[in-house]
Amino acid sequence: MLKIGVISDTHLDRVSDEFKNIIERVFHDVDMIIHSGDMTSRAVYDYLSDWDLKAVRGNMDGFDLWDLPVKRVEEIGGKRIGIIHGRGLPYGLSNLVFKEFQHVDIIVFGHSHVPFHKRKGNVEMFNPGAFKGSPGQAGTVGLIEIGDAVSFRHIEIISEK
């Protein structure tokens, strides 16, 4: 069984102890991490690189992250996974990112800050939501498990405060 931690929209300017504690608690047994953009600081990228990290650049990422691709396709556990942040309004975002890839099994995206999982044709669409959440909403991350079957799960982030 291959376990993939999925995170997006961290929007952090530094790596706090709280961020480290949450990531280490929630992703303690993952084989790799996918970050679908808007890290907003190189420090977050460098910290997550302690895992096998597959990341893309989001619309809020600064010049220090411009070496990251806007989209990418990775072969992971026998599945072709398209990774992209997304753009524009949240309404219709899944359709927009769906059109960005061909011949993939899974598309991981972010941008909307809204957890999402839906099958579209033969493609599983997965947005982990936002690490920091939105006002009044808890943050979320995701977990993808690839084995005989593929499963997707959203995990609510419980802040230490």
N, C-alpha and C. Protein backbone atom coordinates (compact mmCIF):
# COMPACT_ATOMS: atom_id res chain seq x y z
N MET A 1 0.85 -1.18 0.00
CA MET A 1 0.00 0.00 0.00
C MET A 1 0.89 1.24 0.00
N LEU A 2 0.66 2.13 -0.92
CA LEU A 2 1.38 3.40 -1.02
C LEU A 2 0.51 4.50 -0.44
N LYS A 3 1.05 5.27 0.51
CA LYS A 3 0.29 6.35 1.14
C LYS A 3 0.87 7.69 0.72
N ILE A 4 -0.01 8.56 0.24
CA ILE A 4 0.40 9.88 -0.23
C ILE A 4 -0.32 10.94 0.57
N GLY A 5 0.42 11.80 1.24
CA GLY A 5 -0.16 12.95 1.91
C GLY A 5 -0.38 14.04 0.88
N VAL A 6 -1.53 14.68 0.92
CA VAL A 6 -1.86 15.71 -0.06
C VAL A 6 -2.20 16.99 0.69
N ILE A 7 -1.56 18.08 0.27
CA ILE A 7 -1.75 19.36 0.94
C ILE A 7 -1.77 20.47 -0.11
N SER A 8 -2.48 21.52 0.20
CA SER A 8 -2.53 22.68 -0.69
C SER A 8 -2.79 23.94 0.13
N ASP A 9 -2.49 25.06 -0.47
CA ASP A 9 -2.86 26.36 0.09
C ASP A 9 -2.43 26.51 1.55
N THR A 10 -1.15 26.26 1.80
CA THR A 10 -0.63 26.44 3.16
C THR A 10 -0.54 27.92 3.51
N HIS A 11 -0.23 28.76 2.54
CA HIS A 11 -0.17 30.23 2.74
C HIS A 11 0.62 30.61 3.99
N LEU A 12 1.82 30.07 4.10
CA LEU A 12 2.67 30.36 5.25
C LEU A 12 3.92 31.10 4.81
N ASP A 13 4.34 32.09 5.59
CA ASP A 13 5.59 32.79 5.27
C ASP A 13 6.79 32.18 5.98
N ARG A 14 6.51 31.25 6.89
CA ARG A 14 7.58 30.53 7.60
C ARG A 14 7.02 29.20 8.08
N VAL A 15 7.93 28.34 8.51
CA VAL A 15 7.53 27.04 9.04
C VAL A 15 7.45 27.16 10.56
N SER A 16 6.25 27.18 11.06
CA SER A 16 6.04 27.31 12.51
C SER A 16 6.13 25.94 13.18
N ASP A 17 6.32 25.95 14.49
CA ASP A 17 6.31 24.70 15.25
C ASP A 17 4.96 24.00 15.11
N GLU A 18 3.88 24.79 15.09
CA GLU A 18 2.55 24.21 14.94
C GLU A 18 2.43 23.49 13.60
N PHE A 19 2.91 24.11 12.52
CA PHE A 19 2.88 23.48 11.19
C PHE A 19 3.66 22.17 11.22
N LYS A 20 4.87 22.20 11.77
CA LYS A 20 5.69 20.99 11.86
C LYS A 20 4.96 19.89 12.64
N ASN A 21 4.41 20.24 13.78
CA ASN A 21 3.73 19.25 14.62
C ASN A 21 2.53 18.64 13.90
N ILE A 22 1.76 19.47 13.21
CA ILE A 22 0.59 18.95 12.49
C ILE A 22 1.01 18.04 11.35
N ILE A 23 1.97 18.49 10.55
CA ILE A 23 2.42 17.68 9.41
C ILE A 23 3.01 16.35 9.91
N GLU A 24 3.82 16.40 10.93
CA GLU A 24 4.42 15.17 11.44
C GLU A 24 3.39 14.24 12.07
N ARG A 25 2.35 14.80 12.66
CA ARG A 25 1.29 13.98 13.25
C ARG A 25 0.41 13.36 12.17
N VAL A 26 -0.01 14.16 11.21
CA VAL A 26 -0.97 13.70 10.20
C VAL A 26 -0.30 12.87 9.10
N PHE A 27 0.92 13.23 8.74
CA PHE A 27 1.62 12.54 7.64
C PHE A 27 2.77 11.66 8.13
N HIS A 28 2.71 11.20 9.37
CA HIS A 28 3.82 10.44 9.95
C HIS A 28 4.17 9.17 9.19
N ASP A 29 3.21 8.56 8.50
CA ASP A 29 3.47 7.30 7.84
C ASP A 29 3.27 7.34 6.32
N VAL A 30 3.33 8.54 5.73
CA VAL A 30 3.16 8.63 4.28
C VAL A 30 4.48 8.35 3.57
N ASP A 31 4.36 7.86 2.35
CA ASP A 31 5.54 7.58 1.52
C ASP A 31 6.00 8.82 0.77
N MET A 32 5.08 9.75 0.54
CA MET A 32 5.41 10.98 -0.17
C MET A 32 4.34 12.02 0.12
N ILE A 33 4.65 13.25 -0.28
CA ILE A 33 3.69 14.34 -0.15
C ILE A 33 3.52 15.02 -1.50
N ILE A 34 2.26 15.31 -1.84
CA ILE A 34 1.95 16.15 -2.99
C ILE A 34 1.45 17.48 -2.45
N HIS A 35 2.06 18.58 -2.91
CA HIS A 35 1.59 19.92 -2.54
C HIS A 35 1.11 20.58 -3.83
N SER A 36 -0.18 20.94 -3.87
CA SER A 36 -0.75 21.49 -5.10
C SER A 36 -0.80 23.02 -5.09
N GLY A 37 0.24 23.64 -4.57
CA GLY A 37 0.45 25.07 -4.75
C GLY A 37 -0.01 25.98 -3.64
N ASP A 38 0.50 27.19 -3.71
CA ASP A 38 0.31 28.25 -2.72
C ASP A 38 0.95 27.90 -1.37
N MET A 39 2.21 27.50 -1.45
CA MET A 39 3.02 27.36 -0.24
C MET A 39 3.33 28.75 0.29
N THR A 40 3.62 29.65 -0.59
CA THR A 40 3.97 31.07 -0.43
C THR A 40 5.33 31.33 0.20
N SER A 41 6.09 30.30 0.54
CA SER A 41 7.47 30.55 0.97
C SER A 41 8.34 29.33 0.67
N ARG A 42 9.57 29.60 0.36
CA ARG A 42 10.54 28.54 0.08
C ARG A 42 10.77 27.69 1.33
N ALA A 43 10.62 28.30 2.50
CA ALA A 43 10.83 27.56 3.75
C ALA A 43 9.88 26.37 3.86
N VAL A 44 8.63 26.53 3.43
CA VAL A 44 7.66 25.43 3.47
C VAL A 44 8.10 24.33 2.50
N TYR A 45 8.51 24.73 1.30
CA TYR A 45 9.00 23.76 0.32
C TYR A 45 10.20 23.00 0.88
N ASP A 46 11.15 23.72 1.44
CA ASP A 46 12.36 23.07 1.97
C ASP A 46 12.02 22.10 3.09
N TYR A 47 11.11 22.48 3.97
CA TYR A 47 10.71 21.60 5.06
C TYR A 47 10.03 20.32 4.52
N LEU A 48 9.09 20.49 3.60
CA LEU A 48 8.36 19.33 3.06
C LEU A 48 9.25 18.45 2.19
N SER A 49 10.38 18.98 1.74
CA SER A 49 11.32 18.19 0.93
C SER A 49 11.99 17.09 1.73
N ASP A 50 11.81 17.08 3.04
CA ASP A 50 12.31 15.95 3.84
C ASP A 50 11.57 14.67 3.48
N TRP A 51 10.39 14.81 2.90
CA TRP A 51 9.64 13.68 2.35
C TRP A 51 9.93 13.67 0.85
N ASP A 52 9.45 12.65 0.17
CA ASP A 52 9.50 12.64 -1.30
C ASP A 52 8.40 13.59 -1.75
N LEU A 53 8.75 14.82 -2.13
CA LEU A 53 7.79 15.88 -2.40
C LEU A 53 7.59 16.08 -3.89
N LYS A 54 6.33 16.11 -4.30
CA LYS A 54 5.94 16.47 -5.66
C LYS A 54 5.10 17.73 -5.52
N ALA A 55 5.58 18.84 -6.05
CA ALA A 55 4.90 20.13 -5.82
C ALA A 55 4.77 20.91 -7.11
N VAL A 56 3.77 21.78 -7.14
CA VAL A 56 3.59 22.74 -8.23
C VAL A 56 3.46 24.14 -7.64
N ARG A 57 3.61 25.11 -8.51
CA ARG A 57 3.52 26.52 -8.11
C ARG A 57 2.07 26.96 -8.17
N GLY A 58 1.67 27.73 -7.16
CA GLY A 58 0.33 28.32 -7.13
C GLY A 58 0.38 29.79 -7.46
N ASN A 59 -0.78 30.40 -7.59
CA ASN A 59 -0.87 31.81 -7.98
C ASN A 59 -0.35 32.77 -6.92
N MET A 60 -0.22 32.33 -5.67
CA MET A 60 0.27 33.20 -4.60
C MET A 60 1.74 32.94 -4.27
N ASP A 61 2.37 32.01 -4.97
CA ASP A 61 3.77 31.70 -4.70
C ASP A 61 4.68 32.76 -5.30
N GLY A 62 5.68 33.16 -4.52
CA GLY A 62 6.59 34.22 -4.92
C GLY A 62 7.69 33.74 -5.85
N PHE A 63 8.57 34.67 -6.17
CA PHE A 63 9.66 34.40 -7.11
C PHE A 63 10.57 33.26 -6.64
N ASP A 64 10.68 33.07 -5.33
CA ASP A 64 11.57 32.02 -4.84
C ASP A 64 11.03 30.61 -5.12
N LEU A 65 9.79 30.52 -5.61
CA LEU A 65 9.20 29.22 -5.96
C LEU A 65 8.90 29.10 -7.45
N TRP A 66 9.38 30.04 -8.23
CA TRP A 66 9.08 30.02 -9.66
C TRP A 66 9.80 28.92 -10.41
N ASP A 67 10.72 28.22 -9.75
CA ASP A 67 11.35 27.08 -10.40
C ASP A 67 10.43 25.86 -10.40
N LEU A 68 9.33 25.93 -9.65
CA LEU A 68 8.36 24.83 -9.65
C LEU A 68 7.49 24.91 -10.90
N PRO A 69 7.10 23.77 -11.44
CA PRO A 69 6.21 23.79 -12.61
C PRO A 69 4.79 24.23 -12.22
N VAL A 70 4.06 24.75 -13.19
CA VAL A 70 2.67 25.12 -12.98
C VAL A 70 1.80 23.86 -12.95
N LYS A 71 2.19 22.87 -13.71
CA LYS A 71 1.50 21.57 -13.68
C LYS A 71 2.51 20.49 -13.99
N ARG A 72 2.19 19.28 -13.56
CA ARG A 72 3.08 18.15 -13.81
C ARG A 72 2.27 16.87 -13.78
N VAL A 73 2.83 15.82 -14.37
CA VAL A 73 2.24 14.49 -14.31
C VAL A 73 3.31 13.56 -13.74
N GLU A 74 2.92 12.79 -12.73
CA GLU A 74 3.82 11.84 -12.07
C GLU A 74 3.22 10.44 -12.14
N GLU A 75 4.06 9.47 -12.39
CA GLU A 75 3.66 8.05 -12.33
C GLU A 75 3.94 7.60 -10.90
N ILE A 76 2.88 7.31 -10.15
CA ILE A 76 3.02 6.95 -8.74
C ILE A 76 2.16 5.71 -8.48
N GLY A 77 2.79 4.66 -8.03
CA GLY A 77 2.05 3.44 -7.72
C GLY A 77 1.26 2.89 -8.88
N GLY A 78 1.78 3.05 -10.10
CA GLY A 78 1.10 2.57 -11.29
C GLY A 78 -0.03 3.48 -11.78
N LYS A 79 -0.20 4.62 -11.15
CA LYS A 79 -1.24 5.58 -11.55
C LYS A 79 -0.58 6.85 -12.07
N ARG A 80 -1.16 7.41 -13.12
CA ARG A 80 -0.69 8.70 -13.65
C ARG A 80 -1.48 9.79 -12.92
N ILE A 81 -0.73 10.62 -12.19
CA ILE A 81 -1.35 11.66 -11.37
C ILE A 81 -0.97 13.03 -11.92
N GLY A 82 -1.98 13.79 -12.33
CA GLY A 82 -1.78 15.16 -12.76
C GLY A 82 -1.89 16.07 -11.54
N ILE A 83 -0.96 17.01 -11.42
CA ILE A 83 -0.94 17.92 -10.28
C ILE A 83 -0.94 19.35 -10.81
N ILE A 84 -1.85 20.17 -10.30
CA ILE A 84 -1.98 21.56 -10.73
C ILE A 84 -2.60 22.35 -9.58
N HIS A 85 -2.36 23.65 -9.54
CA HIS A 85 -2.99 24.45 -8.49
C HIS A 85 -4.41 24.82 -8.89
N GLY A 86 -4.56 25.46 -10.03
CA GLY A 86 -5.85 25.96 -10.48
C GLY A 86 -5.81 27.48 -10.53
N ARG A 87 -6.86 28.06 -11.06
CA ARG A 87 -6.93 29.51 -11.19
C ARG A 87 -8.38 29.93 -11.34
N GLY A 88 -8.62 31.21 -11.15
CA GLY A 88 -9.96 31.75 -11.37
C GLY A 88 -10.89 31.50 -10.20
N LEU A 89 -12.16 31.59 -10.48
CA LEU A 89 -13.18 31.44 -9.46
C LEU A 89 -13.36 29.96 -9.07
N PRO A 90 -13.78 29.70 -7.84
CA PRO A 90 -13.98 28.30 -7.41
C PRO A 90 -15.04 27.58 -8.24
N TYR A 91 -16.08 28.31 -8.68
CA TYR A 91 -17.14 27.67 -9.46
C TYR A 91 -16.56 27.19 -10.79
N GLY A 92 -16.70 25.93 -11.08
CA GLY A 92 -16.20 25.36 -12.33
C GLY A 92 -14.72 25.02 -12.32
N LEU A 93 -14.07 25.14 -11.16
CA LEU A 93 -12.63 24.88 -11.09
C LEU A 93 -12.30 23.44 -11.48
N SER A 94 -13.09 22.50 -11.03
CA SER A 94 -12.80 21.09 -11.35
C SER A 94 -12.86 20.86 -12.87
N ASN A 95 -13.78 21.51 -13.55
CA ASN A 95 -13.85 21.38 -15.01
C ASN A 95 -12.63 22.01 -15.68
N LEU A 96 -12.20 23.15 -15.16
CA LEU A 96 -11.04 23.83 -15.73
C LEU A 96 -9.78 22.98 -15.60
N VAL A 97 -9.53 22.43 -14.42
CA VAL A 97 -8.31 21.63 -14.25
C VAL A 97 -8.42 20.29 -14.97
N PHE A 98 -9.63 19.76 -15.12
CA PHE A 98 -9.83 18.51 -15.85
C PHE A 98 -9.33 18.66 -17.29
N LYS A 99 -9.58 19.82 -17.89
CA LYS A 99 -9.20 20.08 -19.29
C LYS A 99 -7.69 20.25 -19.46
N GLU A 100 -6.96 20.40 -18.36
CA GLU A 100 -5.51 20.61 -18.43
C GLU A 100 -4.72 19.32 -18.65
N PHE A 101 -5.37 18.16 -18.48
CA PHE A 101 -4.64 16.89 -18.54
C PHE A 101 -5.33 15.90 -19.47
N GLN A 102 -4.51 15.06 -20.07
CA GLN A 102 -5.01 13.94 -20.85
C GLN A 102 -4.32 12.68 -20.36
N HIS A 103 -5.02 11.59 -20.39
CA HIS A 103 -4.45 10.28 -20.06
C HIS A 103 -3.88 10.22 -18.64
N VAL A 104 -4.65 10.71 -17.68
CA VAL A 104 -4.28 10.58 -16.27
C VAL A 104 -5.39 9.82 -15.55
N ASP A 105 -5.02 9.24 -14.41
CA ASP A 105 -5.98 8.50 -13.59
C ASP A 105 -6.55 9.38 -12.47
N ILE A 106 -5.71 10.30 -12.00
CA ILE A 106 -6.06 11.15 -10.86
C ILE A 106 -5.59 12.57 -11.16
N ILE A 107 -6.38 13.56 -10.77
CA ILE A 107 -5.95 14.95 -10.81
C ILE A 107 -6.04 15.51 -9.40
N VAL A 108 -4.91 16.02 -8.92
CA VAL A 108 -4.85 16.68 -7.62
C VAL A 108 -4.72 18.17 -7.88
N PHE A 109 -5.58 18.96 -7.23
CA PHE A 109 -5.55 20.41 -7.43
C PHE A 109 -5.88 21.11 -6.13
N GLY A 110 -5.74 22.42 -6.14
CA GLY A 110 -6.01 23.23 -4.96
C GLY A 110 -6.81 24.46 -5.34
N HIS A 111 -6.38 25.62 -4.83
CA HIS A 111 -6.86 26.95 -5.18
C HIS A 111 -8.19 27.34 -4.54
N SER A 112 -9.17 26.48 -4.52
CA SER A 112 -10.51 26.87 -4.04
C SER A 112 -10.62 26.88 -2.52
N HIS A 113 -9.69 26.22 -1.84
CA HIS A 113 -9.72 26.05 -0.38
C HIS A 113 -10.88 25.15 0.07
N VAL A 114 -11.51 24.46 -0.86
CA VAL A 114 -12.67 23.63 -0.55
C VAL A 114 -12.32 22.16 -0.81
N PRO A 115 -12.45 21.31 0.20
CA PRO A 115 -12.21 19.88 -0.03
C PRO A 115 -13.16 19.34 -1.10
N PHE A 116 -12.62 18.51 -1.99
CA PHE A 116 -13.42 18.04 -3.12
C PHE A 116 -12.90 16.67 -3.54
N HIS A 117 -13.83 15.76 -3.82
CA HIS A 117 -13.48 14.48 -4.42
C HIS A 117 -14.67 14.02 -5.25
N LYS A 118 -14.40 13.80 -6.52
CA LYS A 118 -15.46 13.35 -7.42
C LYS A 118 -14.80 12.64 -8.60
N ARG A 119 -15.48 11.64 -9.09
CA ARG A 119 -15.01 10.95 -10.30
C ARG A 119 -15.63 11.63 -11.51
N LYS A 120 -14.80 11.95 -12.49
CA LYS A 120 -15.27 12.56 -13.73
C LYS A 120 -14.77 11.68 -14.87
N GLY A 121 -15.68 10.93 -15.47
CA GLY A 121 -15.27 9.94 -16.47
C GLY A 121 -14.45 8.87 -15.79
N ASN A 122 -13.23 8.66 -16.28
CA ASN A 122 -12.32 7.68 -15.67
C ASN A 122 -11.30 8.32 -14.75
N VAL A 123 -11.49 9.60 -14.43
CA VAL A 123 -10.49 10.35 -13.65
C VAL A 123 -11.05 10.71 -12.27
N GLU A 124 -10.26 10.42 -11.24
CA GLU A 124 -10.60 10.84 -9.88
C GLU A 124 -10.07 12.26 -9.69
N MET A 125 -10.94 13.17 -9.30
CA MET A 125 -10.58 14.57 -9.06
C MET A 125 -10.49 14.77 -7.55
N PHE A 126 -9.36 15.31 -7.06
CA PHE A 126 -9.17 15.42 -5.62
C PHE A 126 -8.53 16.75 -5.25
N ASN A 127 -9.20 17.50 -4.40
CA ASN A 127 -8.67 18.75 -3.84
C ASN A 127 -8.65 18.55 -2.32
N PRO A 128 -7.46 18.68 -1.70
CA PRO A 128 -7.40 18.44 -0.25
C PRO A 128 -8.01 19.57 0.57
N GLY A 129 -8.38 20.68 -0.05
CA GLY A 129 -8.83 21.84 0.69
C GLY A 129 -7.62 22.68 1.06
N ALA A 130 -7.76 23.53 2.04
CA ALA A 130 -6.68 24.43 2.43
C ALA A 130 -6.17 24.08 3.82
N PHE A 131 -4.86 24.10 3.97
CA PHE A 131 -4.26 23.80 5.26
C PHE A 131 -4.78 24.74 6.34
N LYS A 132 -4.87 26.02 6.02
CA LYS A 132 -5.32 27.00 7.02
C LYS A 132 -6.84 27.14 7.06
N GLY A 133 -7.53 26.58 6.09
CA GLY A 133 -8.98 26.70 6.06
C GLY A 133 -9.42 28.10 5.71
N SER A 134 -10.67 28.34 5.80
CA SER A 134 -11.26 29.65 5.56
C SER A 134 -11.83 30.15 6.87
N PRO A 135 -12.14 31.45 6.98
CA PRO A 135 -12.72 31.93 8.23
C PRO A 135 -13.92 31.09 8.66
N GLY A 136 -13.88 30.61 9.88
CA GLY A 136 -14.97 29.80 10.41
C GLY A 136 -14.91 28.33 10.03
N GLN A 137 -13.91 27.94 9.23
CA GLN A 137 -13.80 26.55 8.82
C GLN A 137 -12.43 26.00 9.19
N ALA A 138 -12.39 24.76 9.59
CA ALA A 138 -11.12 24.11 9.91
C ALA A 138 -10.33 23.87 8.63
N GLY A 139 -9.02 23.80 8.76
CA GLY A 139 -8.18 23.43 7.63
C GLY A 139 -8.31 21.94 7.35
N THR A 140 -7.94 21.57 6.14
CA THR A 140 -7.98 20.16 5.76
C THR A 140 -6.76 19.81 4.91
N VAL A 141 -6.40 18.55 4.96
CA VAL A 141 -5.41 17.96 4.07
C VAL A 141 -6.03 16.67 3.55
N GLY A 142 -5.28 15.95 2.73
CA GLY A 142 -5.84 14.72 2.18
C GLY A 142 -4.87 13.57 2.26
N LEU A 143 -5.42 12.40 2.04
CA LEU A 143 -4.64 11.18 1.99
C LEU A 143 -5.15 10.35 0.82
N ILE A 144 -4.21 9.92 -0.02
CA ILE A 144 -4.53 9.00 -1.11
C ILE A 144 -3.77 7.71 -0.82
N GLU A 145 -4.47 6.59 -0.86
CA GLU A 145 -3.84 5.29 -0.67
C GLU A 145 -4.00 4.48 -1.96
N ILE A 146 -2.89 4.01 -2.46
CA ILE A 146 -2.88 3.23 -3.70
C ILE A 146 -2.41 1.82 -3.38
N GLY A 147 -3.28 0.88 -3.63
CA GLY A 147 -2.98 -0.54 -3.45
C GLY A 147 -3.76 -1.30 -4.49
N ASP A 148 -4.46 -2.36 -4.07
CA ASP A 148 -5.34 -3.07 -5.00
C ASP A 148 -6.44 -2.14 -5.48
N ALA A 149 -6.83 -1.21 -4.62
CA ALA A 149 -7.80 -0.17 -4.96
C ALA A 149 -7.18 1.17 -4.59
N VAL A 150 -7.82 2.26 -4.99
CA VAL A 150 -7.35 3.60 -4.65
C VAL A 150 -8.41 4.24 -3.77
N SER A 151 -7.97 4.81 -2.65
CA SER A 151 -8.92 5.49 -1.76
C SER A 151 -8.47 6.92 -1.51
N PHE A 152 -9.44 7.77 -1.22
CA PHE A 152 -9.22 9.19 -1.00
C PHE A 152 -9.91 9.58 0.30
N ARG A 153 -9.20 10.39 1.10
CA ARG A 153 -9.78 10.81 2.37
C ARG A 153 -9.35 12.23 2.68
N HIS A 154 -10.28 13.01 3.22
CA HIS A 154 -9.97 14.34 3.74
C HIS A 154 -9.78 14.23 5.24
N ILE A 155 -8.80 14.97 5.76
CA ILE A 155 -8.49 14.95 7.18
C ILE A 155 -8.58 16.38 7.69
N GLU A 156 -9.43 16.59 8.69
CA GLU A 156 -9.55 17.91 9.29
C GLU A 156 -8.35 18.18 10.17
N ILE A 157 -7.80 19.39 10.03
CA ILE A 157 -6.65 19.79 10.82
C ILE A 157 -7.15 20.36 12.14
N ILE A 158 -6.64 19.80 13.21
CA ILE A 158 -7.00 20.29 14.53
C ILE A 158 -5.84 21.12 15.05
N SER A 159 -6.07 22.41 15.17
CA SER A 159 -5.04 23.33 15.61
C SER A 159 -4.70 23.07 17.07
N GLU A 160 -3.47 23.39 17.43
CA GLU A 160 -3.01 23.19 18.79
C GLU A 160 -3.43 24.34 19.71
N LYS A 161 -3.99 25.38 19.14
CA LYS A 161 -4.37 26.56 19.93
C LYS A 161 -5.68 26.36 20.64
